[in-house]
Amino acid sequence: MNFEGKTVIVTGSARGIGRIIAEKFASLKARVVISDLDQEQVDQVASEIGGETIGIKANVTDAGDIESLFEKAREKFGQIDIVVNNAGIT
């Protein structure tokens, strides 16, 4: 599968399953938005994954954060094609 030119937001992607999902999309040439609660961590993960990957801090329990996440992703990549809502707590 080739996701070249597609923009993917993966919530909860600074570690664990979310990070693996983000890495897989990046390997398939997608533009990836890493999203999690800590800006430093999302920036680090985005840098490590490479490609067209950015990090945006967002708390998925806050409607304003979600709105900002989508706005910033569109500003950077022009569109959003896929959202993986991986964020969660146990």
PDB file of N, CA and C in Angstrom:
ATOM      1  N   MET A   1       0.838  -1.184   0.000  1.00  0.00           N
ATOM      2  CA  MET A   1       0.000   0.000   0.000  1.00  0.00           C
ATOM      3  C   MET A   1       0.877   1.239   0.000  1.00  0.00           C
ATOM      4  N   ASN A   2       0.418   2.238  -0.687  1.00  0.00           N
ATOM      5  CA  ASN A   2       1.160   3.486  -0.791  1.00  0.00           C
ATOM      6  C   ASN A   2       0.266   4.633  -0.323  1.00  0.00           C
ATOM      7  N   PHE A   3       0.705   5.318   0.693  1.00  0.00           N
ATOM      8  CA  PHE A   3      -0.052   6.440   1.233  1.00  0.00           C
ATOM      9  C   PHE A   3       0.603   7.768   0.884  1.00  0.00           C
ATOM     10  N   GLU A   4       1.441   7.774  -0.132  1.00  0.00           N
ATOM     11  CA  GLU A   4       2.128   8.995  -0.541  1.00  0.00           C
ATOM     12  C   GLU A   4       1.116  10.101  -0.820  1.00  0.00           C
ATOM     13  N   GLY A   5       1.368  11.280  -0.220  1.00  0.00           N
ATOM     14  CA  GLY A   5       0.477  12.411  -0.416  1.00  0.00           C
ATOM     15  C   GLY A   5      -0.716  12.440   0.530  1.00  0.00           C
ATOM     16  N   LYS A   6      -0.880  11.415   1.340  1.00  0.00           N
ATOM     17  CA  LYS A   6      -1.967  11.364   2.316  1.00  0.00           C
ATOM     18  C   LYS A   6      -1.456  11.886   3.653  1.00  0.00           C
ATOM     19  N   THR A   7      -2.314  12.589   4.371  1.00  0.00           N
ATOM     20  CA  THR A   7      -1.964  13.095   5.694  1.00  0.00           C
ATOM     21  C   THR A   7      -2.703  12.287   6.746  1.00  0.00           C
ATOM     22  N   VAL A   8      -1.935  11.802   7.730  1.00  0.00           N
ATOM     23  CA  VAL A   8      -2.468  10.950   8.776  1.00  0.00           C
ATOM     24  C   VAL A   8      -2.194  11.583  10.142  1.00  0.00           C
ATOM     25  N   ILE A   9      -3.220  11.713  10.955  1.00  0.00           N
ATOM     26  CA  ILE A   9      -3.050  12.113  12.353  1.00  0.00           C
ATOM     27  C   ILE A   9      -3.195  10.853  13.192  1.00  0.00           C
ATOM     28  N   VAL A  10      -2.221  10.625  14.077  1.00  0.00           N
ATOM     29  CA  VAL A  10      -2.303   9.496  14.999  1.00  0.00           C
ATOM     30  C   VAL A  10      -2.247  10.058  16.415  1.00  0.00           C
ATOM     31  N   THR A  11      -3.354   9.956  17.144  1.00  0.00           N
ATOM     32  CA  THR A  11      -3.370  10.436  18.525  1.00  0.00           C
ATOM     33  C   THR A  11      -2.705   9.396  19.422  1.00  0.00           C
ATOM     34  N   GLY A  12      -2.142   9.869  20.521  1.00  0.00           N
ATOM     35  CA  GLY A  12      -1.461   8.961  21.442  1.00  0.00           C
ATOM     36  C   GLY A  12      -0.285   8.258  20.792  1.00  0.00           C
ATOM     37  N   SER A  13       0.455   8.988  19.962  1.00  0.00           N
ATOM     38  CA  SER A  13       1.487   8.338  19.147  1.00  0.00           C
ATOM     39  C   SER A  13       2.923   8.644  19.567  1.00  0.00           C
ATOM     40  N   ALA A  14       3.118   9.143  20.768  1.00  0.00           N
ATOM     41  CA  ALA A  14       4.477   9.402  21.232  1.00  0.00           C
ATOM     42  C   ALA A  14       5.147   8.131  21.760  1.00  0.00           C
ATOM     43  N   ARG A  15       4.370   7.068  21.927  1.00  0.00           N
ATOM     44  CA  ARG A  15       4.938   5.808  22.417  1.00  0.00           C
ATOM     45  C   ARG A  15       3.973   4.660  22.112  1.00  0.00           C
ATOM     46  N   GLY A  16       4.439   3.472  22.350  1.00  0.00           N
ATOM     47  CA  GLY A  16       3.606   2.276  22.259  1.00  0.00           C
ATOM     48  C   GLY A  16       3.002   2.017  20.888  1.00  0.00           C
ATOM     49  N   ILE A  17       1.784   1.514  20.914  1.00  0.00           N
ATOM     50  CA  ILE A  17       1.083   1.144  19.681  1.00  0.00           C
ATOM     51  C   ILE A  17       0.925   2.340  18.756  1.00  0.00           C
ATOM     52  N   GLY A  18       0.611   3.506  19.315  1.00  0.00           N
ATOM     53  CA  GLY A  18       0.445   4.699  18.492  1.00  0.00           C
ATOM     54  C   GLY A  18       1.700   5.046  17.718  1.00  0.00           C
ATOM     55  N   ARG A  19       2.844   4.919  18.370  1.00  0.00           N
ATOM     56  CA  ARG A  19       4.103   5.203  17.689  1.00  0.00           C
ATOM     57  C   ARG A  19       4.324   4.201  16.555  1.00  0.00           C
ATOM     58  N   ILE A  20       4.055   2.942  16.811  1.00  0.00           N
ATOM     59  CA  ILE A  20       4.232   1.912  15.777  1.00  0.00           C
ATOM     60  C   ILE A  20       3.318   2.197  14.582  1.00  0.00           C
ATOM     61  N   ILE A  21       2.085   2.598  14.859  1.00  0.00           N
ATOM     62  CA  ILE A  21       1.159   2.954  13.776  1.00  0.00           C
ATOM     63  C   ILE A  21       1.722   4.120  12.969  1.00  0.00           C
ATOM     64  N   ALA A  22       2.202   5.158  13.667  1.00  0.00           N
ATOM     65  CA  ALA A  22       2.774   6.325  12.987  1.00  0.00           C
ATOM     66  C   ALA A  22       3.982   5.934  12.149  1.00  0.00           C
ATOM     67  N   GLU A  23       4.849   5.105  12.699  1.00  0.00           N
ATOM     68  CA  GLU A  23       6.037   4.649  11.962  1.00  0.00           C
ATOM     69  C   GLU A  23       5.636   3.900  10.691  1.00  0.00           C
ATOM     70  N   LYS A  24       4.615   3.066  10.791  1.00  0.00           N
ATOM     71  CA  LYS A  24       4.171   2.300   9.622  1.00  0.00           C
ATOM     72  C   LYS A  24       3.634   3.225   8.534  1.00  0.00           C
ATOM     73  N   PHE A  25       2.808   4.198   8.910  1.00  0.00           N
ATOM     74  CA  PHE A  25       2.310   5.143   7.912  1.00  0.00           C
ATOM     75  C   PHE A  25       3.459   5.921   7.274  1.00  0.00           C
ATOM     76  N   ALA A  26       4.438   6.327   8.075  1.00  0.00           N
ATOM     77  CA  ALA A  26       5.592   7.057   7.526  1.00  0.00           C
ATOM     78  C   ALA A  26       6.362   6.176   6.551  1.00  0.00           C
ATOM     79  N   SER A  27       6.502   4.893   6.865  1.00  0.00           N
ATOM     80  CA  SER A  27       7.223   3.988   5.963  1.00  0.00           C
ATOM     81  C   SER A  27       6.473   3.790   4.648  1.00  0.00           C
ATOM     82  N   LEU A  28       5.159   4.059   4.669  1.00  0.00           N
ATOM     83  CA  LEU A  28       4.338   3.955   3.462  1.00  0.00           C
ATOM     84  C   LEU A  28       4.182   5.317   2.776  1.00  0.00           C
ATOM     85  N   LYS A  29       5.067   6.256   3.158  1.00  0.00           N
ATOM     86  CA  LYS A  29       5.198   7.576   2.538  1.00  0.00           C
ATOM     87  C   LYS A  29       4.074   8.556   2.862  1.00  0.00           C
ATOM     88  N   ALA A  30       3.343   8.300   3.946  1.00  0.00           N
ATOM     89  CA  ALA A  30       2.317   9.255   4.377  1.00  0.00           C
ATOM     90  C   ALA A  30       2.982  10.431   5.083  1.00  0.00           C
ATOM     91  N   ARG A  31       2.286  11.548   5.106  1.00  0.00           N
ATOM     92  CA  ARG A  31       2.663  12.685   5.949  1.00  0.00           C
ATOM     93  C   ARG A  31       1.995  12.424   7.287  1.00  0.00           C
ATOM     94  N   VAL A  32       2.781  12.392   8.358  1.00  0.00           N
ATOM     95  CA  VAL A  32       2.272  11.928   9.644  1.00  0.00           C
ATOM     96  C   VAL A  32       2.305  13.043  10.686  1.00  0.00           C
ATOM     97  N   VAL A  33       1.211  13.147  11.430  1.00  0.00           N
ATOM     98  CA  VAL A  33       1.132  14.067  12.563  1.00  0.00           C
ATOM     99  C   VAL A  33       1.146  13.224  13.836  1.00  0.00           C
ATOM    100  N   ILE A  34       2.235  13.370  14.599  1.00  0.00           N
ATOM    101  CA  ILE A  34       2.357  12.726  15.899  1.00  0.00           C
ATOM    102  C   ILE A  34       1.628  13.609  16.899  1.00  0.00           C
ATOM    103  N   SER A  35       0.719  13.042  17.673  1.00  0.00           N
ATOM    104  CA  SER A  35      -0.028  13.832  18.648  1.00  0.00           C
ATOM    105  C   SER A  35      -0.062  13.111  19.986  1.00  0.00           C
ATOM    106  N   ASP A  36       0.252  13.864  21.033  1.00  0.00           N
ATOM    107  CA  ASP A  36       0.234  13.323  22.387  1.00  0.00           C
ATOM    108  C   ASP A  36       0.239  14.499  23.353  1.00  0.00           C
ATOM    109  N   LEU A  37       0.374  14.223  24.639  1.00  0.00           N
ATOM    110  CA  LEU A  37       0.236  15.249  25.664  1.00  0.00           C
ATOM    111  C   LEU A  37       1.474  16.114  25.897  1.00  0.00           C
ATOM    112  N   ASP A  38       2.640  15.687  25.470  1.00  0.00           N
ATOM    113  CA  ASP A  38       3.888  16.385  25.769  1.00  0.00           C
ATOM    114  C   ASP A  38       4.562  16.853  24.476  1.00  0.00           C
ATOM    115  N   GLN A  39       4.678  18.179  24.306  1.00  0.00           N
ATOM    116  CA  GLN A  39       5.235  18.731  23.067  1.00  0.00           C
ATOM    117  C   GLN A  39       6.670  18.268  22.815  1.00  0.00           C
ATOM    118  N   GLU A  40       7.488  18.245  23.855  1.00  0.00           N
ATOM    119  CA  GLU A  40       8.882  17.812  23.681  1.00  0.00           C
ATOM    120  C   GLU A  40       8.946  16.374  23.176  1.00  0.00           C
ATOM    121  N   GLN A  41       8.094  15.533  23.723  1.00  0.00           N
ATOM    122  CA  GLN A  41       8.069  14.136  23.333  1.00  0.00           C
ATOM    123  C   GLN A  41       7.573  13.958  21.892  1.00  0.00           C
ATOM    124  N   VAL A  42       6.521  14.674  21.501  1.00  0.00           N
ATOM    125  CA  VAL A  42       6.026  14.518  20.124  1.00  0.00           C
ATOM    126  C   VAL A  42       7.038  15.050  19.124  1.00  0.00           C
ATOM    127  N   ASP A  43       7.744  16.119  19.486  1.00  0.00           N
ATOM    128  CA  ASP A  43       8.794  16.640  18.601  1.00  0.00           C
ATOM    129  C   ASP A  43       9.925  15.629  18.439  1.00  0.00           C
ATOM    130  N   GLN A  44      10.308  14.997  19.543  1.00  0.00           N
ATOM    131  CA  GLN A  44      11.387  14.007  19.491  1.00  0.00           C
ATOM    132  C   GLN A  44      10.994  12.812  18.625  1.00  0.00           C
ATOM    133  N   VAL A  45       9.785  12.309  18.825  1.00  0.00           N
ATOM    134  CA  VAL A  45       9.324  11.155  18.046  1.00  0.00           C
ATOM    135  C   VAL A  45       9.220  11.517  16.570  1.00  0.00           C
ATOM    136  N   ALA A  46       8.685  12.690  16.267  1.00  0.00           N
ATOM    137  CA  ALA A  46       8.588  13.129  14.866  1.00  0.00           C
ATOM    138  C   ALA A  46       9.958  13.183  14.227  1.00  0.00           C
ATOM    139  N   SER A  47      10.941  13.686  14.956  1.00  0.00           N
ATOM    140  CA  SER A  47      12.309  13.758  14.452  1.00  0.00           C
ATOM    141  C   SER A  47      12.894  12.365  14.223  1.00  0.00           C
ATOM    142  N   GLU A  48      12.646  11.468  15.147  1.00  0.00           N
ATOM    143  CA  GLU A  48      13.157  10.099  15.024  1.00  0.00           C
ATOM    144  C   GLU A  48      12.516   9.350  13.868  1.00  0.00           C
ATOM    145  N   ILE A  49      11.240   9.555  13.644  1.00  0.00           N
ATOM    146  CA  ILE A  49      10.551   8.872  12.546  1.00  0.00           C
ATOM    147  C   ILE A  49      10.994   9.439  11.205  1.00  0.00           C
ATOM    148  N   GLY A  50      11.168  10.761  11.149  1.00  0.00           N
ATOM    149  CA  GLY A  50      11.641  11.401   9.927  1.00  0.00           C
ATOM    150  C   GLY A  50      10.569  11.491   8.861  1.00  0.00           C
ATOM    151  N   GLY A  51      11.015  11.722   7.644  1.00  0.00           N
ATOM    152  CA  GLY A  51      10.082  11.919   6.539  1.00  0.00           C
ATOM    153  C   GLY A  51       9.286  13.189   6.750  1.00  0.00           C
ATOM    154  N   GLU A  52       8.082  13.213   6.239  1.00  0.00           N
ATOM    155  CA  GLU A  52       7.191  14.357   6.424  1.00  0.00           C
ATOM    156  C   GLU A  52       6.360  14.115   7.682  1.00  0.00           C
ATOM    157  N   THR A  53       7.007  14.277   8.828  1.00  0.00           N
ATOM    158  CA  THR A  53       6.373  14.008  10.109  1.00  0.00           C
ATOM    159  C   THR A  53       6.528  15.214  11.019  1.00  0.00           C
ATOM    160  N   ILE A  54       5.433  15.606  11.661  1.00  0.00           N
ATOM    161  CA  ILE A  54       5.474  16.713  12.614  1.00  0.00           C
ATOM    162  C   ILE A  54       4.828  16.271  13.925  1.00  0.00           C
ATOM    163  N   GLY A  55       5.144  16.989  14.984  1.00  0.00           N
ATOM    164  CA  GLY A  55       4.553  16.714  16.278  1.00  0.00           C
ATOM    165  C   GLY A  55       3.677  17.869  16.728  1.00  0.00           C
ATOM    166  N   ILE A  56       2.484  17.562  17.188  1.00  0.00           N
ATOM    167  CA  ILE A  56       1.564  18.580  17.701  1.00  0.00           C
ATOM    168  C   ILE A  56       0.994  18.089  19.029  1.00  0.00           C
ATOM    169  N   LYS A  57       1.204  18.871  20.082  1.00  0.00           N
ATOM    170  CA  LYS A  57       0.665  18.540  21.399  1.00  0.00           C
ATOM    171  C   LYS A  57      -0.850  18.713  21.373  1.00  0.00           C
ATOM    172  N   ALA A  58      -1.557  17.700  21.871  1.00  0.00           N
ATOM    173  CA  ALA A  58      -3.012  17.806  21.979  1.00  0.00           C
ATOM    174  C   ALA A  58      -3.522  16.819  23.006  1.00  0.00           C
ATOM    175  N   ASN A  59      -4.496  17.267  23.759  1.00  0.00           N
ATOM    176  CA  ASN A  59      -5.204  16.426  24.712  1.00  0.00           C
ATOM    177  C   ASN A  59      -6.558  16.109  24.080  1.00  0.00           C
ATOM    178  N   VAL A  60      -6.808  14.838  23.781  1.00  0.00           N
ATOM    179  CA  VAL A  60      -8.034  14.483  23.063  1.00  0.00           C
ATOM    180  C   VAL A  60      -9.297  14.648  23.902  1.00  0.00           C
ATOM    181  N   THR A  61      -9.145  14.933  25.189  1.00  0.00           N
ATOM    182  CA  THR A  61     -10.324  15.190  26.022  1.00  0.00           C
ATOM    183  C   THR A  61     -10.707  16.663  26.014  1.00  0.00           C
ATOM    184  N   ASP A  62      -9.952  17.478  25.291  1.00  0.00           N
ATOM    185  CA  ASP A  62     -10.189  18.922  25.237  1.00  0.00           C
ATOM    186  C   ASP A  62     -10.571  19.316  23.803  1.00  0.00           C
ATOM    187  N   ALA A  63     -11.806  19.740  23.620  1.00  0.00           N
ATOM    188  CA  ALA A  63     -12.304  20.085  22.276  1.00  0.00           C
ATOM    189  C   ALA A  63     -11.454  21.165  21.612  1.00  0.00           C
ATOM    190  N   GLY A  64     -10.981  22.132  22.380  1.00  0.00           N
ATOM    191  CA  GLY A  64     -10.132  23.183  21.828  1.00  0.00           C
ATOM    192  C   GLY A  64      -8.816  22.642  21.312  1.00  0.00           C
ATOM    193  N   ASP A  65      -8.230  21.691  22.042  1.00  0.00           N
ATOM    194  CA  ASP A  65      -6.985  21.066  21.588  1.00  0.00           C
ATOM    195  C   ASP A  65      -7.199  20.303  20.285  1.00  0.00           C
ATOM    196  N   ILE A  66      -8.311  19.594  20.182  1.00  0.00           N
ATOM    197  CA  ILE A  66      -8.596  18.826  18.963  1.00  0.00           C
ATOM    198  C   ILE A  66      -8.771  19.773  17.778  1.00  0.00           C
ATOM    199  N   GLU A  67      -9.509  20.846  17.983  1.00  0.00           N
ATOM    200  CA  GLU A  67      -9.697  21.840  16.924  1.00  0.00           C
ATOM    201  C   GLU A  67      -8.348  22.403  16.489  1.00  0.00           C
ATOM    202  N   SER A  68      -7.500  22.732  17.436  1.00  0.00           N
ATOM    203  CA  SER A  68      -6.172  23.268  17.135  1.00  0.00           C
ATOM    204  C   SER A  68      -5.309  22.235  16.408  1.00  0.00           C
ATOM    205  N   LEU A  69      -5.387  20.978  16.832  1.00  0.00           N
ATOM    206  CA  LEU A  69      -4.641  19.898  16.188  1.00  0.00           C
ATOM    207  C   LEU A  69      -4.983  19.818  14.709  1.00  0.00           C
ATOM    208  N   PHE A  70      -6.269  19.806  14.395  1.00  0.00           N
ATOM    209  CA  PHE A  70      -6.704  19.704  13.006  1.00  0.00           C
ATOM    210  C   PHE A  70      -6.322  20.957  12.220  1.00  0.00           C
ATOM    211  N   GLU A  71      -6.448  22.112  12.841  1.00  0.00           N
ATOM    212  CA  GLU A  71      -6.092  23.362  12.174  1.00  0.00           C
ATOM    213  C   GLU A  71      -4.596  23.397  11.832  1.00  0.00           C
ATOM    214  N   LYS A  72      -3.755  23.028  12.782  1.00  0.00           N
ATOM    215  CA  LYS A  72      -2.300  23.034  12.556  1.00  0.00           C
ATOM    216  C   LYS A  72      -1.902  21.997  11.510  1.00  0.00           C
ATOM    217  N   ALA A  73      -2.543  20.836  11.528  1.00  0.00           N
ATOM    218  CA  ALA A  73      -2.244  19.806  10.528  1.00  0.00           C
ATOM    219  C   ALA A  73      -2.603  20.291   9.127  1.00  0.00           C
ATOM    220  N   ARG A  74      -3.767  20.944   9.005  1.00  0.00           N
ATOM    221  CA  ARG A  74      -4.175  21.484   7.694  1.00  0.00           C
ATOM    222  C   ARG A  74      -3.241  22.601   7.240  1.00  0.00           C
ATOM    223  N   GLU A  75      -2.813  23.462   8.174  1.00  0.00           N
ATOM    224  CA  GLU A  75      -1.878  24.536   7.827  1.00  0.00           C
ATOM    225  C   GLU A  75      -0.584  23.965   7.261  1.00  0.00           C
ATOM    226  N   LYS A  76      -0.091  22.885   7.855  1.00  0.00           N
ATOM    227  CA  LYS A  76       1.174  22.292   7.436  1.00  0.00           C
ATOM    228  C   LYS A  76       1.036  21.483   6.150  1.00  0.00           C
ATOM    229  N   PHE A  77      -0.006  20.646   6.070  1.00  0.00           N
ATOM    230  CA  PHE A  77      -0.104  19.699   4.969  1.00  0.00           C
ATOM    231  C   PHE A  77      -1.266  19.953   4.006  1.00  0.00           C
ATOM    232  N   GLY A  78      -2.156  20.895   4.330  1.00  0.00           N
ATOM    233  CA  GLY A  78      -3.230  21.256   3.419  1.00  0.00           C
ATOM    234  C   GLY A  78      -4.478  20.398   3.493  1.00  0.00           C
ATOM    235  N   GLN A  79      -4.357  19.224   4.075  1.00  0.00           N
ATOM    236  CA  GLN A  79      -5.507  18.321   4.124  1.00  0.00           C
ATOM    237  C   GLN A  79      -5.284  17.289   5.222  1.00  0.00           C
ATOM    238  N   ILE A  80      -6.352  16.628   5.610  1.00  0.00           N
ATOM    239  CA  ILE A  80      -6.288  15.495   6.527  1.00  0.00           C
ATOM    240  C   ILE A  80      -7.071  14.370   5.872  1.00  0.00           C
ATOM    241  N   ASP A  81      -6.422  13.238   5.683  1.00  0.00           N
ATOM    242  CA  ASP A  81      -7.073  12.117   5.007  1.00  0.00           C
ATOM    243  C   ASP A  81      -7.466  10.988   5.948  1.00  0.00           C
ATOM    244  N   ILE A  82      -6.665  10.792   6.994  1.00  0.00           N
ATOM    245  CA  ILE A  82      -6.880   9.659   7.887  1.00  0.00           C
ATOM    246  C   ILE A  82      -6.634  10.122   9.317  1.00  0.00           C
ATOM    247  N   VAL A  83      -7.493   9.688  10.242  1.00  0.00           N
ATOM    248  CA  VAL A  83      -7.273   9.945  11.663  1.00  0.00           C
ATOM    249  C   VAL A  83      -7.342   8.596  12.385  1.00  0.00           C
ATOM    250  N   VAL A  84      -6.295   8.309  13.142  1.00  0.00           N
ATOM    251  CA  VAL A  84      -6.278   7.116  13.978  1.00  0.00           C
ATOM    252  C   VAL A  84      -6.393   7.588  15.414  1.00  0.00           C
ATOM    253  N   ASN A  85      -7.555   7.331  16.030  1.00  0.00           N
ATOM    254  CA  ASN A  85      -7.788   7.757  17.399  1.00  0.00           C
ATOM    255  C   ASN A  85      -7.294   6.671  18.343  1.00  0.00           C
ATOM    256  N   ASN A  86      -5.984   6.700  18.576  1.00  0.00           N
ATOM    257  CA  ASN A  86      -5.328   5.704  19.395  1.00  0.00           C
ATOM    258  C   ASN A  86      -5.206   6.110  20.860  1.00  0.00           C
ATOM    259  N   ALA A  87      -5.341   7.376  21.162  1.00  0.00           N
ATOM    260  CA  ALA A  87      -5.127   7.870  22.533  1.00  0.00           C
ATOM    261  C   ALA A  87      -6.091   7.207  23.509  1.00  0.00           C
ATOM    262  N   GLY A  88      -5.593   6.931  24.686  1.00  0.00           N
ATOM    263  CA  GLY A  88      -6.451   6.357  25.703  1.00  0.00           C
ATOM    264  C   GLY A  88      -5.682   6.179  27.001  1.00  0.00           C
ATOM    265  N   ILE A  89      -6.403   5.859  28.035  1.00  0.00           N
ATOM    266  CA  ILE A  89      -5.789   5.588  29.329  1.00  0.00           C
ATOM    267  C   ILE A  89      -6.311   4.276  29.868  1.00  0.00           C
ATOM    268  N   THR A  90      -5.565   3.712  30.791  1.00  0.00           N
ATOM    269  CA  THR A  90      -6.016   2.459  31.398  1.00  0.00           C
ATOM    270  C   THR A  90      -6.290   2.678  32.863  1.00  0.00           C
TER     271      THR A  90
END
